[in-house]
Protein backbone atom coordinates (compact mmCIF):
# COMPACT_ATOMS: atom_id res chain seq x y z
CA MET A 1 228.17 129.73 130.58
CA ALA A 2 227.87 126.51 129.87
CA GLU A 3 228.42 123.34 131.71
CA THR A 4 231.70 121.74 132.31
CA ILE A 5 231.60 117.83 131.94
CA THR A 6 234.48 115.65 133.03
CA LEU A 7 235.76 112.81 130.43
CA LYS A 8 237.28 110.53 132.16
CA VAL A 9 239.57 108.83 129.48
CA ALA A 10 240.81 105.89 130.86
CA GLN A 11 236.82 104.43 131.84
CA VAL A 12 235.38 106.16 128.92
CA ALA A 13 238.24 103.75 126.71
CA GLY A 14 237.34 101.01 129.31
CA GLY A 15 240.61 100.85 130.79
CA PRO A 16 244.16 102.98 132.01
CA SER A 17 245.40 101.61 128.53
CA CYS A 18 244.46 104.11 125.90
CA VAL A 19 246.65 102.68 122.72
CA ALA A 20 243.60 101.02 120.10
CA SER A 21 241.98 103.98 118.13
CA GLU A 22 239.03 101.17 119.22
CA ASP A 23 238.71 102.69 122.22
CA GLY A 24 239.51 106.15 121.34
CA ASP A 25 236.38 106.03 119.29
CA LYS A 26 234.29 105.35 122.94
CA VAL A 27 235.98 108.72 123.47
CA TYR A 28 235.13 111.03 120.65
CA ARG A 29 231.80 109.75 120.29
CA ALA A 30 231.84 111.38 124.40
CA ILE A 31 233.41 114.67 122.89
CA VAL A 32 231.39 114.74 119.95
CA GLU A 33 227.40 113.87 122.34
CA ALA A 34 228.48 116.86 124.52
CA ILE A 35 229.78 118.94 122.52
CA ARG A 36 226.11 118.55 119.95
CA ARG A 37 224.11 118.82 123.85
CA GLY A 38 225.39 122.28 124.13
CA LYS A 39 228.16 120.84 127.45
CA ARG A 40 231.52 122.33 127.43
CA VAL A 41 234.39 119.32 127.98
CA ARG A 42 237.62 118.69 129.79
CA LEU A 43 238.88 115.21 129.49
CA SER A 44 240.94 113.93 132.26
CA PHE A 45 243.93 112.19 131.61
CA GLU A 46 243.82 110.75 134.83
CA GLY A 47 244.41 106.87 135.63
CA VAL A 48 245.85 106.40 131.78
CA GLU A 49 248.63 104.63 132.71
CA ASP A 50 249.55 104.40 128.43
CA LEU A 51 249.27 106.61 125.48
CA THR A 52 249.44 106.20 122.11
CA SER A 53 248.97 108.62 118.80
CA ALA A 54 246.66 106.43 117.62
CA PHE A 55 244.11 106.54 119.80
CA LEU A 56 245.11 110.15 121.08
CA ASN A 57 243.67 110.79 116.85
CA ALA A 58 240.41 108.45 117.00
CA ALA A 59 240.11 110.69 120.29
CA VAL A 60 240.46 113.79 119.55
CA GLY A 61 243.10 114.37 116.40
CA GLN A 62 238.94 113.47 114.01
CA LEU A 63 237.63 116.14 115.61
CA TYR A 64 238.92 118.08 113.53
CA LYS A 65 237.90 116.36 110.10
CA GLY A 66 234.32 118.24 109.72
CA GLU A 67 231.44 116.77 111.61
CA LEU A 68 230.95 119.78 113.79
CA PRO A 69 233.05 123.34 113.54
CA GLU A 70 236.28 124.80 114.25
CA GLU A 71 234.88 127.01 116.50
CA ASP A 72 231.99 124.29 118.62
CA ILE A 73 235.06 122.51 119.18
CA ARG A 74 237.21 125.45 120.30
CA ASN A 75 234.80 127.23 122.40
CA HIS A 76 233.94 123.47 124.13
CA LEU A 77 236.98 121.54 124.54
CA GLU A 78 238.95 122.81 127.66
CA GLN A 79 242.03 122.67 128.88
CA PRO A 80 242.88 118.92 129.53
CA ILE A 81 243.69 117.97 133.04
CA ASP A 82 245.37 114.76 134.97
CA ALA A 83 248.24 114.38 132.00
CA SER A 84 251.45 114.48 132.13
CA PRO A 85 253.73 116.60 129.86
CA ASN A 86 254.74 114.38 127.48
CA ASP A 87 251.20 113.22 126.63
CA LEU A 88 249.96 117.26 126.39
CA VAL A 89 252.99 117.93 123.78
CA LEU A 90 251.73 114.26 122.07
CA LEU A 91 248.09 115.98 122.29
CA ARG A 92 249.19 118.98 120.83
CA ARG A 93 250.82 117.73 117.86
CA VAL A 94 247.99 115.01 117.65
CA VAL A 95 245.56 118.52 117.03
CA GLU A 96 247.87 120.15 115.08
CA ARG A 97 248.97 117.24 112.57
CA ALA A 98 244.95 117.15 112.23
CA LYS A 99 244.60 120.36 111.68
CA GLU A 100 246.81 120.02 108.57
CA PHE A 101 245.42 117.10 107.15
CA PHE A 102 241.52 117.69 107.58
CA ARG A 103 242.01 120.94 106.30
CA ASN A 104 244.08 120.11 102.75
CA PRO A 105 244.83 115.57 103.24
CA ALA A 106 246.79 115.45 99.75
CA PRO A 107 249.91 115.50 100.43
CA PHE A 108 249.44 113.54 103.42
CA GLU A 109 247.97 111.13 100.70
CA GLU A 110 250.55 111.83 97.87
CA SER A 111 253.02 110.74 100.46
CA ALA A 112 251.75 108.07 101.63
CA LYS A 113 251.28 107.13 98.33
CA SER A 114 254.93 106.98 97.98
CA VAL A 115 255.86 105.46 100.61
CA LEU A 116 253.94 102.75 101.18
CA GLY A 117 252.58 102.26 96.59
CA ASP A 118 250.04 103.29 94.96
CA GLY A 119 247.85 99.55 95.31
CA ASP A 120 248.41 99.51 91.77
CA GLU A 121 250.87 96.04 91.52
């Protein structure tokens, strides 16, 4: 069985306010590095005071873009700890949307174009 490491999200992100996607990228890189080394990863949300979907999209959602096989993610990413029930719901929603998006991005892109315009103006 692979060794499990605990990544403290607030520590990796640089503080208790986990709202910026740039900080989420730091967590993403730490997760990918650990998985590539064959480690299991447990995210700890201890000390996180603010958490946004933008941060979680960068930290966890982009794991599903195809850099790692989904099976590796499933086998190496453990259930998070020290998270509030609301944060767990948000995380679950981010993962579900990321999986849908990276499987078939066209509907999301079309929806964005219809709302934001296609930039041809």
